[in-house]
Amino acid sequence: MPGEQHVSAVKSRKVIVAAAIITDRRVLACERSAPPEVAGRWEFPGGKVEPGETDEQALARECVEELGVRVEVGARIGPDVPLAHGRAVLRVFVVRLLDGDEPRALEHTAMRWLSADELDSVHWLPADKPIVAALPPLLAVGLS
């Protein structure tokens, strides 16, 4: 049946999760170091959901690996963003740092905390742009 085929196709798509870490009305942006075609572009930190992980578990693991921080994963922000010609999807969550942890650029060239007025000051990866567009109201209320 057509509906069953669609369901199996959706289940086989890779899920990439990313963190919109918001502190003091600013969000953390990270500059990619690799691969060469995206090096120098900015993104929200994160990575692939591995088999057996929930989106939230994967994002918490990725934050430790990429930034050396422990986090509390909150609500989704923005839509699912199709990647890799529909073979993957990006899901972004609002994330809060735990116990005063400070992010370190372990896998990125640089990091910047951006206020709503500074969101356009970096060259975002195309997949992150819908999320960037959804951020100003969240930054205005000062989620932490």
Protein backbone atom coordinates (compact mmCIF):
# COMPACT_ATOMS: atom_id res chain seq x y z
CA MET A 1 0.00 0.00 0.00
CA PRO A 2 1.25 3.52 -0.72
CA GLY A 3 0.85 4.60 2.92
CA GLU A 4 2.97 1.70 4.17
CA GLN A 5 5.72 2.49 1.71
CA HIS A 6 5.78 6.10 2.92
CA VAL A 7 6.00 5.00 6.56
CA SER A 8 8.96 2.70 5.88
CA ALA A 9 10.70 5.45 3.91
CA VAL A 10 10.24 7.86 6.81
CA LYS A 11 11.55 5.31 9.32
CA SER A 12 14.69 4.72 7.23
CA ARG A 13 15.59 8.42 7.07
CA LYS A 14 18.52 9.46 9.21
CA VAL A 15 17.73 11.93 11.95
CA ILE A 16 20.20 14.69 12.75
CA VAL A 17 19.61 16.58 15.98
CA ALA A 18 20.97 19.99 16.90
CA ALA A 19 20.98 22.23 19.97
CA ALA A 20 19.82 25.81 20.20
CA ILE A 21 21.66 26.55 23.45
CA ILE A 22 20.10 29.72 24.83
CA THR A 23 21.63 31.66 27.71
CA ASP A 24 21.12 35.33 28.66
CA ARG A 25 19.01 36.04 25.54
CA ARG A 26 21.77 34.72 23.25
CA VAL A 27 22.14 31.49 21.29
CA LEU A 28 25.35 29.56 20.66
CA ALA A 29 26.51 29.34 17.04
CA CYS A 30 29.42 27.09 16.01
CA GLU A 31 31.69 27.43 12.96
CA ARG A 32 32.23 24.21 11.01
CA SER A 33 35.81 23.05 10.52
CA ALA A 34 34.98 20.20 8.08
CA PRO A 35 34.19 18.89 5.53
CA PRO A 36 35.76 21.42 3.15
CA GLU A 37 32.49 22.26 1.34
CA VAL A 38 30.93 23.60 4.58
CA ALA A 39 34.02 24.69 6.53
CA GLY A 40 33.60 28.28 7.69
CA ARG A 41 29.80 28.09 7.72
CA TRP A 42 27.88 28.32 11.00
CA GLU A 43 25.51 25.81 12.57
CA PHE A 44 23.85 24.67 15.74
CA PRO A 45 25.93 21.89 17.34
CA GLY A 46 24.67 18.31 17.15
CA GLY A 47 24.86 15.13 15.11
CA LYS A 48 23.31 11.82 14.11
CA VAL A 49 20.84 9.87 16.21
CA GLU A 50 22.34 6.41 16.63
CA PRO A 51 20.24 3.20 16.64
CA GLY A 52 18.52 2.74 19.99
CA GLU A 53 18.81 6.43 20.99
CA THR A 54 16.00 8.93 21.34
CA ASP A 55 16.48 12.35 19.78
CA GLU A 56 17.05 13.78 23.26
CA GLN A 57 19.63 11.14 24.26
CA ALA A 58 21.55 11.70 21.01
CA LEU A 59 21.57 15.45 21.50
CA ALA A 60 22.81 15.18 25.09
CA ARG A 61 25.60 12.83 23.90
CA GLU A 62 26.55 15.14 21.01
CA CYS A 63 26.76 18.16 23.35
CA VAL A 64 29.25 16.28 25.55
CA GLU A 65 31.29 15.16 22.50
CA GLU A 66 31.31 18.48 20.60
CA LEU A 67 31.20 21.03 23.42
CA GLY A 68 32.16 19.23 26.62
CA VAL A 69 28.89 20.25 28.32
CA ARG A 70 26.00 18.53 30.03
CA VAL A 71 22.58 19.76 28.97
CA GLU A 72 18.88 19.51 29.58
CA VAL A 73 17.05 19.05 26.28
CA GLY A 74 13.81 21.02 26.04
CA ALA A 75 11.18 21.63 23.39
CA ARG A 76 11.58 21.33 19.64
CA ILE A 77 12.08 24.58 17.76
CA GLY A 78 11.06 25.13 14.16
CA PRO A 79 10.10 22.49 11.61
CA ASP A 80 11.80 19.27 10.56
CA VAL A 81 14.28 20.43 7.92
CA PRO A 82 14.88 17.99 5.02
CA LEU A 83 18.56 17.18 4.35
CA ALA A 84 20.49 15.10 1.80
CA HIS A 85 17.74 15.20 -0.83
CA GLY A 86 15.19 13.88 1.67
CA ARG A 87 17.36 11.04 3.01
CA ALA A 88 17.77 12.78 6.36
CA VAL A 89 15.96 15.28 8.54
CA LEU A 90 17.26 17.94 10.95
CA ARG A 91 15.46 18.43 14.27
CA VAL A 92 16.51 21.28 16.56
CA PHE A 93 15.74 21.51 20.26
CA VAL A 94 16.07 24.31 22.80
CA VAL A 95 18.80 23.25 25.22
CA ARG A 96 19.85 24.52 28.66
CA LEU A 97 23.36 24.14 30.03
CA LEU A 98 23.57 22.31 33.36
CA ASP A 99 25.47 23.25 36.51
CA GLY A 100 27.39 26.19 35.07
CA ASP A 101 29.00 24.14 32.28
CA GLU A 102 30.74 26.33 29.67
CA PRO A 103 30.90 25.17 26.03
CA ARG A 104 34.31 24.60 24.46
CA ALA A 105 34.94 24.33 20.70
CA LEU A 106 36.16 20.71 20.70
CA GLU A 107 35.09 19.99 17.09
CA HIS A 108 34.46 23.47 15.69
CA THR A 109 36.78 26.25 14.52
CA ALA A 110 35.02 28.90 16.62
CA MET A 111 31.92 29.63 18.67
CA ARG A 112 29.90 32.81 19.18
CA TRP A 113 27.00 33.78 21.43
CA LEU A 114 24.53 35.71 19.26
CA SER A 115 21.71 38.00 20.34
CA ALA A 116 18.59 38.35 18.17
CA ASP A 117 20.17 41.41 16.50
CA GLU A 118 23.34 39.44 15.67
CA LEU A 119 21.76 36.33 14.11
CA ASP A 120 22.50 37.58 10.59
CA SER A 121 26.15 38.34 11.40
CA VAL A 122 27.34 34.81 10.54
CA HIS A 123 27.04 32.72 7.38
CA TRP A 124 24.61 29.96 8.46
CA LEU A 125 24.33 26.58 6.76
CA PRO A 126 21.12 26.52 4.68
CA ALA A 127 19.51 23.83 6.88
CA ASP A 128 19.86 26.03 9.97
CA LYS A 129 18.21 29.12 8.44
CA PRO A 130 14.58 28.09 9.25
CA ILE A 131 15.65 27.61 12.86
CA VAL A 132 17.43 30.98 12.93
CA ALA A 133 14.18 32.56 11.71
CA ALA A 134 12.29 30.98 14.64
CA LEU A 135 14.75 32.19 17.31
CA PRO A 136 14.01 35.91 17.87
CA PRO A 137 10.84 35.37 19.98
CA LEU A 138 12.66 32.81 22.15
CA LEU A 139 15.65 35.10 22.63
CA ALA A 140 13.32 37.99 23.51
CA VAL A 141 11.82 36.13 26.47
CA GLY A 142 15.25 35.19 27.78
CA LEU A 143 15.02 31.41 28.01
CA SER A 144 17.87 29.98 30.03
